[in-house]
Amino acid sequence: MSRIGRKPVEIPKGVSVSITTDTVSVKGPKGTLNLPRHKAIEIKQGKEEGKDVITFERKGNLGPERAAHGLMRALVNNMLEGV
């Protein structure tokens, strides 16, 4: 499993995340960003240790799916920092 992909991403205060079947939208005080979802990566929003977090899981173990796992996590993390 990807070392980067398995780390949950903490959602900062003042930022809202919307996860749909096609996109991930992040809205904060500096604006709004949208990212199309990769079909092989499952994105879930929940609570962990009292904090709002986003977790990422891949459906298979093929090369492109493994590469997309860490990539999606990194892109969403950068979106959260940007807004």
N, C-alpha and C. Protein backbone atom coordinates (compact mmCIF):
# COMPACT_ATOMS: atom_id res chain seq x y z
N MET A 1 0.85 -1.18 0.00
CA MET A 1 0.00 0.00 0.00
C MET A 1 0.89 1.24 0.00
N SER A 2 0.44 2.26 -0.65
CA SER A 2 1.18 3.51 -0.74
C SER A 2 1.34 4.12 0.64
N ARG A 3 2.57 4.51 0.96
CA ARG A 3 2.79 5.13 2.26
C ARG A 3 2.13 6.49 2.34
N ILE A 4 2.11 7.20 1.24
CA ILE A 4 1.46 8.51 1.23
C ILE A 4 -0.05 8.34 1.17
N GLY A 5 -0.53 7.43 0.33
CA GLY A 5 -1.96 7.23 0.13
C GLY A 5 -2.71 6.78 1.36
N ARG A 6 -2.05 6.06 2.25
CA ARG A 6 -2.78 5.54 3.41
C ARG A 6 -2.88 6.53 4.57
N LYS A 7 -2.16 7.65 4.51
CA LYS A 7 -2.25 8.66 5.56
C LYS A 7 -3.52 9.47 5.40
N PRO A 8 -4.31 9.63 6.46
CA PRO A 8 -5.51 10.48 6.35
C PRO A 8 -5.11 11.95 6.25
N VAL A 9 -5.96 12.73 5.59
CA VAL A 9 -5.74 14.17 5.43
C VAL A 9 -6.68 14.89 6.37
N GLU A 10 -6.14 15.73 7.24
CA GLU A 10 -6.97 16.49 8.18
C GLU A 10 -7.57 17.70 7.48
N ILE A 11 -8.86 17.93 7.73
CA ILE A 11 -9.56 19.08 7.16
C ILE A 11 -9.44 20.25 8.13
N PRO A 12 -8.82 21.36 7.70
CA PRO A 12 -8.67 22.51 8.61
C PRO A 12 -10.01 23.17 8.92
N LYS A 13 -10.03 23.92 10.01
CA LYS A 13 -11.25 24.66 10.37
C LYS A 13 -11.50 25.75 9.33
N GLY A 14 -12.78 25.97 9.02
CA GLY A 14 -13.15 26.97 8.04
C GLY A 14 -13.15 26.47 6.61
N VAL A 15 -12.84 25.19 6.41
CA VAL A 15 -12.80 24.61 5.08
C VAL A 15 -13.88 23.52 5.00
N SER A 16 -14.66 23.53 3.91
CA SER A 16 -15.67 22.50 3.71
C SER A 16 -15.30 21.66 2.49
N VAL A 17 -15.56 20.36 2.58
CA VAL A 17 -15.23 19.42 1.52
C VAL A 17 -16.51 18.74 1.06
N SER A 18 -16.69 18.66 -0.25
CA SER A 18 -17.83 17.97 -0.84
C SER A 18 -17.29 16.88 -1.76
N ILE A 19 -17.67 15.63 -1.47
CA ILE A 19 -17.21 14.49 -2.26
C ILE A 19 -18.41 13.90 -2.99
N THR A 20 -18.38 13.93 -4.31
CA THR A 20 -19.43 13.34 -5.13
C THR A 20 -18.84 12.18 -5.91
N THR A 21 -19.66 11.55 -6.74
CA THR A 21 -19.18 10.41 -7.52
C THR A 21 -18.17 10.82 -8.59
N ASP A 22 -18.18 12.09 -9.01
CA ASP A 22 -17.30 12.55 -10.07
C ASP A 22 -16.20 13.50 -9.62
N THR A 23 -16.43 14.28 -8.57
CA THR A 23 -15.46 15.32 -8.19
C THR A 23 -15.28 15.42 -6.68
N VAL A 24 -14.19 16.08 -6.32
CA VAL A 24 -13.93 16.49 -4.94
C VAL A 24 -13.85 18.00 -4.97
N SER A 25 -14.69 18.67 -4.19
CA SER A 25 -14.72 20.14 -4.15
C SER A 25 -14.31 20.59 -2.75
N VAL A 26 -13.43 21.59 -2.72
CA VAL A 26 -12.94 22.15 -1.46
C VAL A 26 -13.21 23.64 -1.49
N LYS A 27 -13.88 24.13 -0.43
CA LYS A 27 -14.22 25.55 -0.35
C LYS A 27 -13.68 26.10 0.96
N GLY A 28 -12.98 27.22 0.85
CA GLY A 28 -12.41 27.85 2.03
C GLY A 28 -12.41 29.36 1.90
N PRO A 29 -11.75 30.05 2.82
CA PRO A 29 -11.75 31.51 2.80
C PRO A 29 -11.02 32.10 1.59
N LYS A 30 -10.14 31.34 0.95
CA LYS A 30 -9.39 31.87 -0.20
C LYS A 30 -9.98 31.46 -1.53
N GLY A 31 -11.07 30.70 -1.53
CA GLY A 31 -11.70 30.32 -2.80
C GLY A 31 -12.17 28.88 -2.82
N THR A 32 -12.47 28.41 -4.03
CA THR A 32 -12.99 27.06 -4.23
C THR A 32 -12.15 26.34 -5.28
N LEU A 33 -11.85 25.06 -5.03
CA LEU A 33 -11.12 24.23 -5.98
C LEU A 33 -11.89 22.94 -6.21
N ASN A 34 -11.85 22.43 -7.45
CA ASN A 34 -12.51 21.18 -7.82
C ASN A 34 -11.48 20.26 -8.46
N LEU A 35 -11.65 18.96 -8.21
CA LEU A 35 -10.75 17.95 -8.78
C LEU A 35 -11.58 16.76 -9.22
N PRO A 36 -11.42 16.31 -10.48
CA PRO A 36 -12.13 15.09 -10.89
C PRO A 36 -11.55 13.88 -10.16
N ARG A 37 -12.42 12.97 -9.75
CA ARG A 37 -11.99 11.78 -9.02
C ARG A 37 -11.47 10.71 -9.97
N HIS A 38 -10.50 9.96 -9.50
CA HIS A 38 -10.04 8.79 -10.24
C HIS A 38 -11.00 7.65 -9.93
N LYS A 39 -11.39 6.90 -10.95
CA LYS A 39 -12.42 5.88 -10.77
C LYS A 39 -11.97 4.72 -9.88
N ALA A 40 -10.67 4.49 -9.72
CA ALA A 40 -10.18 3.37 -8.92
C ALA A 40 -9.91 3.74 -7.47
N ILE A 41 -10.11 4.98 -7.09
CA ILE A 41 -9.83 5.43 -5.73
C ILE A 41 -11.12 5.80 -5.02
N GLU A 42 -11.32 5.20 -3.86
CA GLU A 42 -12.50 5.51 -3.05
C GLU A 42 -12.10 6.54 -2.00
N ILE A 43 -12.85 7.65 -1.95
CA ILE A 43 -12.55 8.75 -1.03
C ILE A 43 -13.68 8.84 -0.01
N LYS A 44 -13.31 8.83 1.28
CA LYS A 44 -14.30 8.89 2.35
C LYS A 44 -13.96 10.02 3.31
N GLN A 45 -15.01 10.68 3.79
CA GLN A 45 -14.84 11.74 4.79
C GLN A 45 -15.39 11.22 6.10
N GLY A 46 -14.67 11.44 7.20
CA GLY A 46 -15.12 10.96 8.49
C GLY A 46 -14.36 11.63 9.61
N LYS A 47 -14.46 11.04 10.80
CA LYS A 47 -13.78 11.56 11.98
C LYS A 47 -12.77 10.53 12.46
N GLU A 48 -11.61 11.04 12.88
CA GLU A 48 -10.58 10.18 13.44
C GLU A 48 -9.91 10.95 14.57
N GLU A 49 -9.97 10.40 15.76
CA GLU A 49 -9.41 11.03 16.95
C GLU A 49 -9.97 12.43 17.18
N GLY A 50 -11.25 12.61 16.89
CA GLY A 50 -11.92 13.88 17.12
C GLY A 50 -11.70 14.92 16.05
N LYS A 51 -11.00 14.57 14.97
CA LYS A 51 -10.73 15.52 13.88
C LYS A 51 -11.43 15.05 12.62
N ASP A 52 -11.85 16.02 11.80
CA ASP A 52 -12.42 15.68 10.49
C ASP A 52 -11.28 15.32 9.55
N VAL A 53 -11.40 14.16 8.91
CA VAL A 53 -10.34 13.69 8.02
C VAL A 53 -10.94 13.11 6.73
N ILE A 54 -10.09 13.00 5.72
CA ILE A 54 -10.44 12.35 4.47
C ILE A 54 -9.48 11.17 4.32
N THR A 55 -10.03 9.99 3.99
CA THR A 55 -9.21 8.81 3.76
C THR A 55 -9.36 8.34 2.32
N PHE A 56 -8.34 7.64 1.84
CA PHE A 56 -8.30 7.19 0.45
C PHE A 56 -8.00 5.70 0.42
N GLU A 57 -8.77 4.96 -0.37
CA GLU A 57 -8.56 3.52 -0.54
C GLU A 57 -8.64 3.19 -2.02
N ARG A 58 -7.76 2.31 -2.47
CA ARG A 58 -7.81 1.91 -3.88
C ARG A 58 -8.54 0.58 -3.99
N LYS A 59 -9.17 0.37 -5.14
CA LYS A 59 -9.99 -0.82 -5.34
C LYS A 59 -9.19 -2.02 -5.81
N GLY A 60 -8.04 -1.80 -6.45
CA GLY A 60 -7.24 -2.90 -6.96
C GLY A 60 -5.78 -2.69 -6.62
N ASN A 61 -4.92 -3.51 -7.22
CA ASN A 61 -3.50 -3.44 -6.92
C ASN A 61 -2.65 -3.35 -8.19
N LEU A 62 -3.24 -2.91 -9.29
CA LEU A 62 -2.49 -2.74 -10.52
C LEU A 62 -1.64 -1.48 -10.43
N GLY A 63 -0.63 -1.38 -11.28
CA GLY A 63 0.30 -0.24 -11.25
C GLY A 63 -0.36 1.12 -11.33
N PRO A 64 -1.24 1.34 -12.32
CA PRO A 64 -1.88 2.66 -12.41
C PRO A 64 -2.75 2.99 -11.20
N GLU A 65 -3.38 1.98 -10.60
CA GLU A 65 -4.20 2.21 -9.41
C GLU A 65 -3.34 2.57 -8.22
N ARG A 66 -2.20 1.91 -8.09
CA ARG A 66 -1.28 2.22 -6.99
C ARG A 66 -0.73 3.63 -7.13
N ALA A 67 -0.41 4.02 -8.37
CA ALA A 67 0.12 5.37 -8.61
C ALA A 67 -0.94 6.42 -8.33
N ALA A 68 -2.18 6.17 -8.71
CA ALA A 68 -3.26 7.14 -8.50
C ALA A 68 -3.60 7.29 -7.02
N HIS A 69 -3.35 6.26 -6.22
CA HIS A 69 -3.67 6.28 -4.80
C HIS A 69 -2.93 7.43 -4.10
N GLY A 70 -1.63 7.46 -4.19
CA GLY A 70 -0.84 8.52 -3.57
C GLY A 70 -1.06 9.86 -4.23
N LEU A 71 -1.26 9.85 -5.55
CA LEU A 71 -1.47 11.09 -6.29
C LEU A 71 -2.75 11.80 -5.84
N MET A 72 -3.85 11.07 -5.73
CA MET A 72 -5.12 11.67 -5.31
C MET A 72 -5.00 12.25 -3.90
N ARG A 73 -4.34 11.53 -3.01
CA ARG A 73 -4.17 12.02 -1.64
C ARG A 73 -3.35 13.31 -1.64
N ALA A 74 -2.27 13.35 -2.41
CA ALA A 74 -1.42 14.53 -2.47
C ALA A 74 -2.15 15.72 -3.08
N LEU A 75 -2.92 15.49 -4.14
CA LEU A 75 -3.66 16.58 -4.77
C LEU A 75 -4.71 17.17 -3.85
N VAL A 76 -5.45 16.31 -3.14
CA VAL A 76 -6.48 16.80 -2.22
C VAL A 76 -5.83 17.54 -1.05
N ASN A 77 -4.71 17.04 -0.56
CA ASN A 77 -4.00 17.72 0.52
C ASN A 77 -3.55 19.11 0.07
N ASN A 78 -3.04 19.23 -1.14
CA ASN A 78 -2.62 20.54 -1.67
C ASN A 78 -3.83 21.46 -1.85
N MET A 79 -4.98 20.92 -2.23
CA MET A 79 -6.19 21.72 -2.36
C MET A 79 -6.59 22.30 -1.01
N LEU A 80 -6.51 21.48 0.05
CA LEU A 80 -6.89 21.94 1.38
C LEU A 80 -5.94 23.04 1.87
N GLU A 81 -4.67 22.93 1.54
CA GLU A 81 -3.72 23.96 1.94
C GLU A 81 -3.94 25.24 1.15
N GLY A 82 -4.37 25.12 -0.11
CA GLY A 82 -4.53 26.28 -0.98
C GLY A 82 -5.72 27.15 -0.67
N VAL A 83 -6.78 26.56 -0.11
CA VAL A 83 -7.98 27.37 0.15
C VAL A 83 -8.00 27.80 1.59
